[in-house]
């Protein structure tokens, strides 16, 4: 049985990590927050059925399943472009604005096309500024696997942007 104190500790420990986990898969902060809240609501509703042992894996599994269901229901594609704005964008010249939007679009497209396991590691490193050992711990993989995925993600982005540069 999961008591109120244990649930609060579980929530405080894993809510942000679960939200980030979902965000890296869908690219929508609101959806990520909603799913993370739903995960913990389900845990609370069924608190009599679980002990606090090894709920971490269950939380991630529930979040992953809920995301798949959400994507199926809404049939929404992730949109990183919407979140990529520059402060003081109005201070940019029209040409600079156009170039920024084009670069943001290319970056968003490259992230969408990047394999999921690479994208997750890349975004955890770049957006959350997590160290490799922290990423490895959250994803329950080895540090070498994180290094390999990050290296592959950087190669992927380099290839994508070089191919874009050759098209122009």
Protein backbone atom coordinates (compact mmCIF):
# COMPACT_ATOMS: atom_id res chain seq x y z
CA UNK A 1 0.00 0.00 0.00
CA UNK A 2 1.22 3.46 -0.93
CA UNK A 3 0.51 6.02 1.80
CA UNK A 4 0.16 9.78 1.46
CA UNK A 5 3.74 10.43 2.59
CA UNK A 6 5.19 7.82 0.22
CA UNK A 7 3.10 9.18 -2.65
CA UNK A 8 4.26 12.75 -1.99
CA UNK A 9 7.88 11.59 -1.96
CA UNK A 10 7.32 9.63 -5.20
CA UNK A 11 5.67 12.66 -6.82
CA UNK A 12 8.39 15.09 -5.69
CA UNK A 13 11.12 12.71 -6.85
CA UNK A 14 9.80 11.74 -10.29
CA UNK A 15 7.28 14.29 -11.57
CA UNK A 16 9.79 16.52 -13.40
CA UNK A 17 11.67 13.53 -14.80
CA UNK A 18 8.45 11.95 -16.11
CA UNK A 19 7.35 15.25 -17.64
CA UNK A 20 10.73 15.64 -19.37
CA UNK A 21 10.62 12.02 -20.53
CA UNK A 22 7.27 12.65 -22.24
CA UNK A 23 8.30 16.06 -23.57
CA UNK A 24 11.33 14.60 -25.35
CA UNK A 25 9.06 12.18 -27.14
CA UNK A 26 6.28 14.57 -28.16
CA UNK A 27 7.79 18.07 -28.12
CA UNK A 28 4.75 19.65 -26.46
CA UNK A 29 5.15 20.98 -22.91
CA UNK A 30 1.41 21.05 -22.24
CA UNK A 31 0.89 17.45 -23.34
CA UNK A 32 3.93 16.39 -21.29
CA UNK A 33 2.56 18.09 -18.17
CA UNK A 34 -0.90 16.62 -18.69
CA UNK A 35 0.42 13.11 -19.14
CA UNK A 36 2.73 13.39 -16.12
CA UNK A 37 -0.25 14.53 -14.02
CA UNK A 38 -2.39 11.69 -15.37
CA UNK A 39 0.30 9.15 -14.48
CA UNK A 40 0.37 10.29 -10.89
CA UNK A 41 -3.42 10.47 -10.73
CA UNK A 42 -3.61 6.82 -11.77
CA UNK A 43 -0.98 5.88 -9.21
CA UNK A 44 -2.95 7.72 -6.52
CA UNK A 45 -6.23 6.12 -7.57
CA UNK A 46 -4.70 2.64 -7.35
CA UNK A 47 -2.43 3.36 -4.39
CA UNK A 48 -3.88 0.40 -2.48
CA UNK A 49 -2.56 -2.00 -5.12
CA UNK A 50 1.10 -0.91 -5.09
CA UNK A 51 3.94 -0.74 -2.67
CA UNK A 52 6.59 1.93 -3.11
CA UNK A 53 9.10 -0.67 -4.30
CA UNK A 54 10.27 -0.21 -7.90
CA UNK A 55 7.52 2.18 -8.98
CA UNK A 56 10.03 4.14 -11.08
CA UNK A 57 9.85 1.66 -13.97
CA UNK A 58 6.08 1.57 -13.72
CA UNK A 59 5.87 5.38 -13.90
CA UNK A 60 7.92 5.47 -17.10
CA UNK A 61 5.93 2.61 -18.63
CA UNK A 62 2.63 4.31 -17.78
CA UNK A 63 3.86 7.62 -19.22
CA UNK A 64 5.00 5.94 -22.41
CA UNK A 65 1.68 4.11 -22.83
CA UNK A 66 -0.33 7.28 -22.15
CA UNK A 67 1.70 9.19 -24.71
CA UNK A 68 1.05 6.55 -27.36
CA UNK A 69 -2.67 6.73 -26.59
CA UNK A 70 -2.63 10.52 -26.72
CA UNK A 71 -0.84 10.55 -30.06
CA UNK A 72 -3.28 8.04 -31.48
CA UNK A 73 -6.26 10.09 -30.30
CA UNK A 74 -5.06 13.49 -31.42
CA UNK A 75 -2.90 12.42 -34.38
CA UNK A 76 -0.73 15.46 -33.64
CA UNK A 77 2.82 15.81 -34.86
CA UNK A 78 5.37 17.40 -32.58
CA UNK A 79 6.12 21.02 -33.35
CA UNK A 80 9.45 22.22 -32.01
CA UNK A 81 9.27 25.33 -34.20
CA UNK A 82 6.56 26.88 -32.08
CA UNK A 83 8.88 26.86 -29.06
CA UNK A 84 11.90 28.25 -30.86
CA UNK A 85 11.69 32.00 -30.58
CA UNK A 86 14.32 34.61 -29.95
CA UNK A 87 13.82 37.25 -27.28
CA UNK A 88 13.58 40.61 -28.94
CA UNK A 89 12.87 38.98 -32.28
CA UNK A 90 11.32 42.26 -33.46
CA UNK A 91 14.80 43.84 -33.25
CA UNK A 92 15.92 41.56 -36.09
CA UNK A 93 15.87 42.71 -39.65
CA UNK A 94 13.32 41.01 -41.91
CA UNK A 95 16.15 39.04 -43.54
CA UNK A 96 17.48 37.90 -40.15
CA UNK A 97 13.97 36.91 -39.05
CA UNK A 98 13.52 34.86 -42.22
CA UNK A 99 16.90 33.15 -41.73
CA UNK A 100 16.10 32.41 -38.09
CA UNK A 101 12.72 30.92 -38.97
CA UNK A 102 14.30 28.82 -41.71
CA UNK A 103 17.02 27.56 -39.35
CA UNK A 104 14.44 26.85 -36.62
CA UNK A 105 12.37 24.92 -39.13
CA UNK A 106 15.38 22.89 -40.29
CA UNK A 107 16.37 22.16 -36.68
CA UNK A 108 12.83 21.07 -35.79
CA UNK A 109 12.68 18.84 -38.86
CA UNK A 110 16.05 17.29 -38.05
CA UNK A 111 14.94 16.59 -34.47
CA UNK A 112 11.73 14.97 -35.71
CA UNK A 113 13.68 12.72 -38.07
CA UNK A 114 16.34 11.82 -35.51
CA UNK A 115 15.91 8.35 -33.98
CA UNK A 116 14.01 8.63 -30.69
CA UNK A 117 16.71 7.24 -28.40
CA UNK A 118 19.25 9.72 -29.82
CA UNK A 119 16.82 12.66 -29.64
CA UNK A 120 16.02 11.94 -25.99
CA UNK A 121 19.68 11.88 -24.96
CA UNK A 122 20.48 14.95 -27.07
CA UNK A 123 17.63 17.02 -25.59
CA UNK A 124 18.35 15.91 -22.03
CA UNK A 125 21.94 17.02 -22.49
CA UNK A 126 21.28 20.27 -24.34
CA UNK A 127 17.95 21.46 -22.90
CA UNK A 128 18.17 20.20 -19.32
CA UNK A 129 21.97 20.48 -19.22
CA UNK A 130 22.20 17.05 -17.62
CA UNK A 131 25.54 15.28 -17.36
CA UNK A 132 25.92 11.91 -19.04
CA UNK A 133 25.79 10.01 -15.74
CA UNK A 134 22.52 11.78 -14.85
CA UNK A 135 21.03 10.88 -18.22
CA UNK A 136 22.19 7.28 -17.82
CA UNK A 137 20.56 7.10 -14.40
CA UNK A 138 17.23 8.55 -15.58
CA UNK A 139 17.04 6.32 -18.63
CA UNK A 140 18.41 3.32 -16.76
CA UNK A 141 21.17 2.72 -19.32
CA UNK A 142 24.95 2.75 -19.13
CA UNK A 143 27.09 5.87 -19.52
CA UNK A 144 28.72 4.34 -22.62
CA UNK A 145 25.25 3.97 -24.19
CA UNK A 146 24.58 7.66 -23.49
CA UNK A 147 27.92 8.60 -25.06
CA UNK A 148 27.19 6.46 -28.12
CA UNK A 149 23.67 7.92 -28.56
CA UNK A 150 24.94 11.49 -28.13
CA UNK A 151 27.70 10.93 -30.65
CA UNK A 152 25.21 9.46 -33.11
CA UNK A 153 22.82 12.39 -32.54
CA UNK A 154 25.55 14.94 -33.26
CA UNK A 155 26.62 13.05 -36.39
CA UNK A 156 22.98 12.94 -37.50
CA UNK A 157 22.54 16.71 -37.04
CA UNK A 158 25.83 17.43 -38.81
CA UNK A 159 24.78 15.25 -41.75
CA UNK A 160 21.33 16.86 -41.89
CA UNK A 161 22.67 20.42 -41.87
CA UNK A 162 25.46 19.66 -44.34
CA UNK A 163 22.94 18.13 -46.74
CA UNK A 164 20.73 21.22 -46.36
CA UNK A 165 23.72 23.47 -47.08
CA UNK A 166 24.49 21.52 -50.26
CA UNK A 167 20.91 21.94 -51.52
CA UNK A 168 21.17 25.73 -51.63
